[in-house]
């Protein structure tokens, strides 16, 4: 059970700071449905969940999250108390325990069916800050579209720009066989961040158990978010 009072207290304080410090602009909030929906944003930075949470004003969101956030000092215990983070152990977007993932997805499916907003980042992980192509979309994993089909809820696509530069993920020791941990450096200067919430759409119900259909629907979701990002960046396709 989520502590909604604490959730909104933290959200409001965070939103005020991000809108001031990062000149955060939010558009498309009118597209947020009143019932259950699976929110699917692009993912370029560890700060993405915080900007997304700040962008949605009057709905509690449940996040399928990287276990490292739950282990952070102060932040981890706070999220645990709020009850809206559902961490899984993974490395570079690859789950370490499939049973754990199945359990967390079952929880999210129940929440979606009960009318809640849940969040999955379809890329599964982020690129390192110093690597080329950090702003480009990775391949989408099919779990998000499958979950939406199983729960019978629409997908709410979200595109975010600017977050890549908020916290620099300088190094990850996993590259050299070490633990999956690194260090982050906050940006020295405020970075402008934009969050655009797209129109919800429903996936083919067959995506719930047909792999071929699910892969196609996942590619469709990627195309939707890619088009949103291109429009935000002034690109022509």
Protein backbone atom coordinates (compact mmCIF):
# COMPACT_ATOMS: atom_id res chain seq x y z
CA UNK A 1 0.00 0.00 0.00
CA UNK A 2 1.48 3.32 -1.08
CA UNK A 3 1.82 6.18 1.38
CA UNK A 4 0.10 8.74 -0.85
CA UNK A 5 0.49 11.63 1.59
CA UNK A 6 4.27 11.16 1.74
CA UNK A 7 4.43 10.53 -2.01
CA UNK A 8 2.78 13.84 -2.89
CA UNK A 9 4.73 15.76 -0.25
CA UNK A 10 8.02 14.56 -1.79
CA UNK A 11 6.71 14.99 -5.33
CA UNK A 12 5.62 18.59 -4.76
CA UNK A 13 8.96 19.56 -3.22
CA UNK A 14 10.88 17.80 -5.99
CA UNK A 15 8.77 19.39 -8.72
CA UNK A 16 9.31 22.87 -7.31
CA UNK A 17 13.08 22.35 -7.26
CA UNK A 18 13.32 20.80 -10.73
CA UNK A 19 11.10 23.40 -12.36
CA UNK A 20 13.32 26.12 -10.89
CA UNK A 21 16.76 24.54 -11.17
CA UNK A 22 16.28 22.69 -14.46
CA UNK A 23 13.66 24.93 -16.04
CA UNK A 24 11.63 21.77 -16.48
CA UNK A 25 8.86 22.06 -19.04
CA UNK A 26 5.98 19.59 -19.06
CA UNK A 27 3.43 19.15 -21.83
CA UNK A 28 0.67 16.66 -22.60
CA UNK A 29 -0.64 16.17 -19.06
CA UNK A 30 -4.15 16.26 -20.51
CA UNK A 31 -3.35 12.87 -22.08
CA UNK A 32 -3.06 11.13 -18.71
CA UNK A 33 -6.08 8.81 -18.39
CA UNK A 34 -8.12 8.66 -15.22
CA UNK A 35 -7.78 4.90 -14.94
CA UNK A 36 -4.96 2.42 -15.14
CA UNK A 37 -2.20 2.91 -17.71
CA UNK A 38 1.35 1.74 -18.27
CA UNK A 39 3.70 4.72 -18.57
CA UNK A 40 6.61 4.04 -20.92
CA UNK A 41 9.35 6.71 -21.16
CA UNK A 42 12.72 6.75 -22.91
CA UNK A 43 15.67 6.28 -20.54
CA UNK A 44 18.96 8.18 -20.68
CA UNK A 45 19.81 8.95 -17.06
CA UNK A 46 19.39 7.81 -13.47
CA UNK A 47 17.47 11.04 -12.85
CA UNK A 48 14.66 10.11 -15.29
CA UNK A 49 12.27 8.67 -12.66
CA UNK A 50 12.53 11.85 -10.59
CA UNK A 51 11.66 14.13 -13.51
CA UNK A 52 8.83 11.83 -14.55
CA UNK A 53 7.45 11.77 -11.02
CA UNK A 54 7.62 15.56 -10.86
CA UNK A 55 5.84 15.89 -14.21
CA UNK A 56 2.70 13.98 -13.19
CA UNK A 57 0.97 16.11 -10.58
CA UNK A 58 -2.11 14.34 -9.27
CA UNK A 59 -1.50 10.62 -9.77
CA UNK A 60 0.64 8.19 -7.79
CA UNK A 61 2.95 6.15 -10.01
CA UNK A 62 4.51 2.76 -9.29
CA UNK A 63 7.95 2.16 -10.79
CA UNK A 64 9.66 -1.04 -11.89
CA UNK A 65 13.15 0.04 -10.88
CA UNK A 66 16.80 -0.92 -10.80
CA UNK A 67 17.71 -2.43 -7.43
CA UNK A 68 20.59 0.03 -7.00
CA UNK A 69 18.15 2.84 -6.21
CA UNK A 70 16.70 0.83 -3.34
CA UNK A 71 20.21 0.43 -1.92
CA UNK A 72 21.11 4.13 -1.96
CA UNK A 73 21.48 5.84 1.42
CA UNK A 74 18.46 7.99 2.34
CA UNK A 75 16.83 7.60 -1.08
CA UNK A 76 16.35 3.83 -0.79
CA UNK A 77 14.68 3.83 2.64
CA UNK A 78 12.50 6.78 1.61
CA UNK A 79 11.22 5.01 -1.50
CA UNK A 80 10.70 1.84 0.50
CA UNK A 81 8.53 3.75 2.96
CA UNK A 82 6.51 5.38 0.18
CA UNK A 83 5.87 1.94 -1.31
CA UNK A 84 5.84 2.86 -5.00
CA UNK A 85 9.16 1.38 -6.08
CA UNK A 86 9.37 -2.26 -7.13
CA UNK A 87 13.09 -3.04 -7.54
CA UNK A 88 14.57 -5.89 -9.52
CA UNK A 89 18.16 -7.10 -9.61
CA UNK A 90 19.55 -6.58 -13.08
CA UNK A 91 22.75 -5.67 -14.87
CA UNK A 92 22.71 -3.73 -18.14
CA UNK A 93 19.01 -4.44 -18.48
CA UNK A 94 19.39 -8.22 -18.03
CA UNK A 95 17.49 -9.65 -15.08
CA UNK A 96 19.46 -11.73 -12.61
CA UNK A 97 16.44 -13.55 -11.18
CA UNK A 98 13.56 -14.34 -13.53
CA UNK A 99 11.31 -15.41 -10.67
CA UNK A 100 11.81 -12.01 -9.02
CA UNK A 101 10.92 -10.26 -12.27
CA UNK A 102 7.82 -12.41 -12.71
CA UNK A 103 6.71 -11.60 -9.16
CA UNK A 104 7.18 -7.84 -9.64
CA UNK A 105 5.38 -7.88 -12.99
CA UNK A 106 2.48 -9.75 -11.39
CA UNK A 107 2.31 -6.99 -8.78
CA UNK A 108 2.31 -4.29 -11.43
CA UNK A 109 -0.37 -6.11 -13.43
CA UNK A 110 -2.64 -6.19 -10.38
CA UNK A 111 -2.01 -2.48 -9.79
CA UNK A 112 -2.82 -1.66 -13.41
CA UNK A 113 -6.05 -3.64 -13.28
CA UNK A 114 -7.05 -1.74 -10.14
CA UNK A 115 -6.67 1.59 -11.97
CA UNK A 116 -3.14 2.64 -10.99
CA UNK A 117 -0.39 4.20 -13.10
CA UNK A 118 2.72 2.04 -13.40
CA UNK A 119 6.04 2.86 -15.05
CA UNK A 120 8.39 0.66 -17.06
CA UNK A 121 11.37 1.96 -19.02
CA UNK A 122 11.23 -0.29 -22.12
CA UNK A 123 14.96 0.13 -22.87
CA UNK A 124 15.69 -1.52 -19.54
CA UNK A 125 18.84 0.46 -18.80
CA UNK A 126 20.78 3.57 -19.72
CA UNK A 127 23.93 4.24 -21.72
CA UNK A 128 26.99 5.65 -20.02
CA UNK A 129 27.23 9.42 -20.16
CA UNK A 130 30.58 9.48 -21.99
CA UNK A 131 29.62 7.00 -24.68
CA UNK A 132 28.46 8.13 -28.14
CA UNK A 133 24.79 7.91 -29.00
CA UNK A 134 23.66 8.45 -25.43
CA UNK A 135 20.57 10.33 -26.60
CA UNK A 136 19.44 7.67 -29.07
CA UNK A 137 16.87 5.02 -28.25
CA UNK A 138 18.08 1.50 -27.56
CA UNK A 139 16.13 -1.56 -28.59
CA UNK A 140 12.92 -1.90 -26.58
CA UNK A 141 12.40 -5.03 -24.54
CA UNK A 142 8.97 -6.62 -25.10
CA UNK A 143 7.96 -6.87 -21.44
CA UNK A 144 6.14 -3.53 -21.36
CA UNK A 145 3.78 -4.20 -24.25
CA UNK A 146 3.12 -7.72 -22.99
CA UNK A 147 2.20 -6.38 -19.55
CA UNK A 148 -0.13 -3.75 -21.01
CA UNK A 149 -1.89 -6.42 -23.07
CA UNK A 150 -2.22 -8.75 -20.09
CA UNK A 151 -3.63 -6.00 -17.88
CA UNK A 152 -5.91 -4.64 -20.60
CA UNK A 153 -4.72 -1.05 -20.12
CA UNK A 154 -3.41 1.57 -22.55
CA UNK A 155 0.23 2.56 -22.87
CA UNK A 156 1.11 6.17 -22.13
CA UNK A 157 4.26 7.08 -24.10
CA UNK A 158 6.58 9.70 -22.63
CA UNK A 159 9.56 11.45 -24.24
CA UNK A 160 12.17 13.27 -22.16
CA UNK A 161 15.08 15.41 -23.34
CA UNK A 162 17.91 16.98 -21.36
CA UNK A 163 18.04 14.49 -18.50
CA UNK A 164 21.18 12.84 -19.87
CA UNK A 165 23.21 15.82 -18.69
CA UNK A 166 21.72 16.12 -15.20
CA UNK A 167 23.86 13.40 -13.60
CA UNK A 168 26.99 12.16 -15.35
CA UNK A 169 27.45 8.40 -15.02
CA UNK A 170 31.22 8.58 -15.49
CA UNK A 171 32.25 4.99 -15.08
CA UNK A 172 30.83 1.60 -14.29
CA UNK A 173 33.24 -0.91 -12.84
CA UNK A 174 31.22 -3.77 -14.31
CA UNK A 175 33.03 -3.08 -17.60
CA UNK A 176 36.18 -4.48 -16.02
CA UNK A 177 34.61 -7.41 -14.23
CA UNK A 178 33.91 -5.51 -11.02
CA UNK A 179 30.63 -4.89 -9.20
CA UNK A 180 27.84 -3.20 -11.06
CA UNK A 181 28.48 0.13 -9.40
CA UNK A 182 30.03 3.38 -10.48
CA UNK A 183 30.05 7.00 -9.48
CA UNK A 184 27.94 9.90 -10.61
CA UNK A 185 28.67 13.60 -10.79
CA UNK A 186 25.81 16.14 -10.79
CA UNK A 187 25.96 18.68 -13.58
CA UNK A 188 27.68 21.87 -12.49
CA UNK A 189 25.11 23.99 -14.32
CA UNK A 190 21.32 23.69 -14.45
CA UNK A 191 20.20 21.68 -17.46
CA UNK A 192 16.94 22.37 -19.25
CA UNK A 193 14.70 19.31 -19.20
CA UNK A 194 11.53 18.77 -21.20
CA UNK A 195 8.94 16.08 -20.57
CA UNK A 196 6.26 15.39 -23.16
CA UNK A 197 3.40 13.02 -22.42
CA UNK A 198 1.93 11.50 -25.56
CA UNK A 199 -1.53 10.20 -26.32
CA UNK A 200 -2.36 6.80 -24.83
CA UNK A 201 -2.88 3.87 -27.16
CA UNK A 202 -3.78 0.23 -26.77
CA UNK A 203 -1.66 -2.63 -28.00
CA UNK A 204 -2.99 -5.68 -29.81
CA UNK A 205 -4.46 -7.97 -27.11
CA UNK A 206 -2.67 -10.88 -28.79
CA UNK A 207 0.60 -9.40 -27.52
CA UNK A 208 -0.25 -10.95 -24.15
CA UNK A 209 0.87 -14.40 -25.28
CA UNK A 210 1.98 -14.19 -28.93
CA UNK A 211 5.70 -13.38 -29.09
CA UNK A 212 5.65 -12.24 -32.72
CA UNK A 213 2.77 -9.84 -32.10
CA UNK A 214 4.39 -8.60 -28.92
CA UNK A 215 7.70 -7.82 -30.64
CA UNK A 216 5.80 -5.92 -33.32
CA UNK A 217 3.90 -3.90 -30.72
CA UNK A 218 7.14 -3.16 -28.87
CA UNK A 219 8.65 -1.81 -32.09
CA UNK A 220 5.52 0.26 -32.57
CA UNK A 221 5.95 1.78 -29.10
CA UNK A 222 9.58 2.57 -29.89
CA UNK A 223 8.54 4.30 -33.12
CA UNK A 224 5.97 6.42 -31.25
CA UNK A 225 8.53 7.66 -28.72
CA UNK A 226 11.17 8.12 -31.42
CA UNK A 227 8.78 10.36 -33.37
CA UNK A 228 8.05 12.37 -30.22
CA UNK A 229 11.78 12.86 -29.57
CA UNK A 230 12.43 13.88 -33.17
CA UNK A 231 9.68 16.46 -32.96
CA UNK A 232 11.04 17.82 -29.68
CA UNK A 233 14.54 18.09 -31.14
CA UNK A 234 13.34 19.65 -34.37
CA UNK A 235 14.32 16.72 -36.54
CA UNK A 236 12.54 15.73 -39.73
CA UNK A 237 11.91 12.11 -40.62
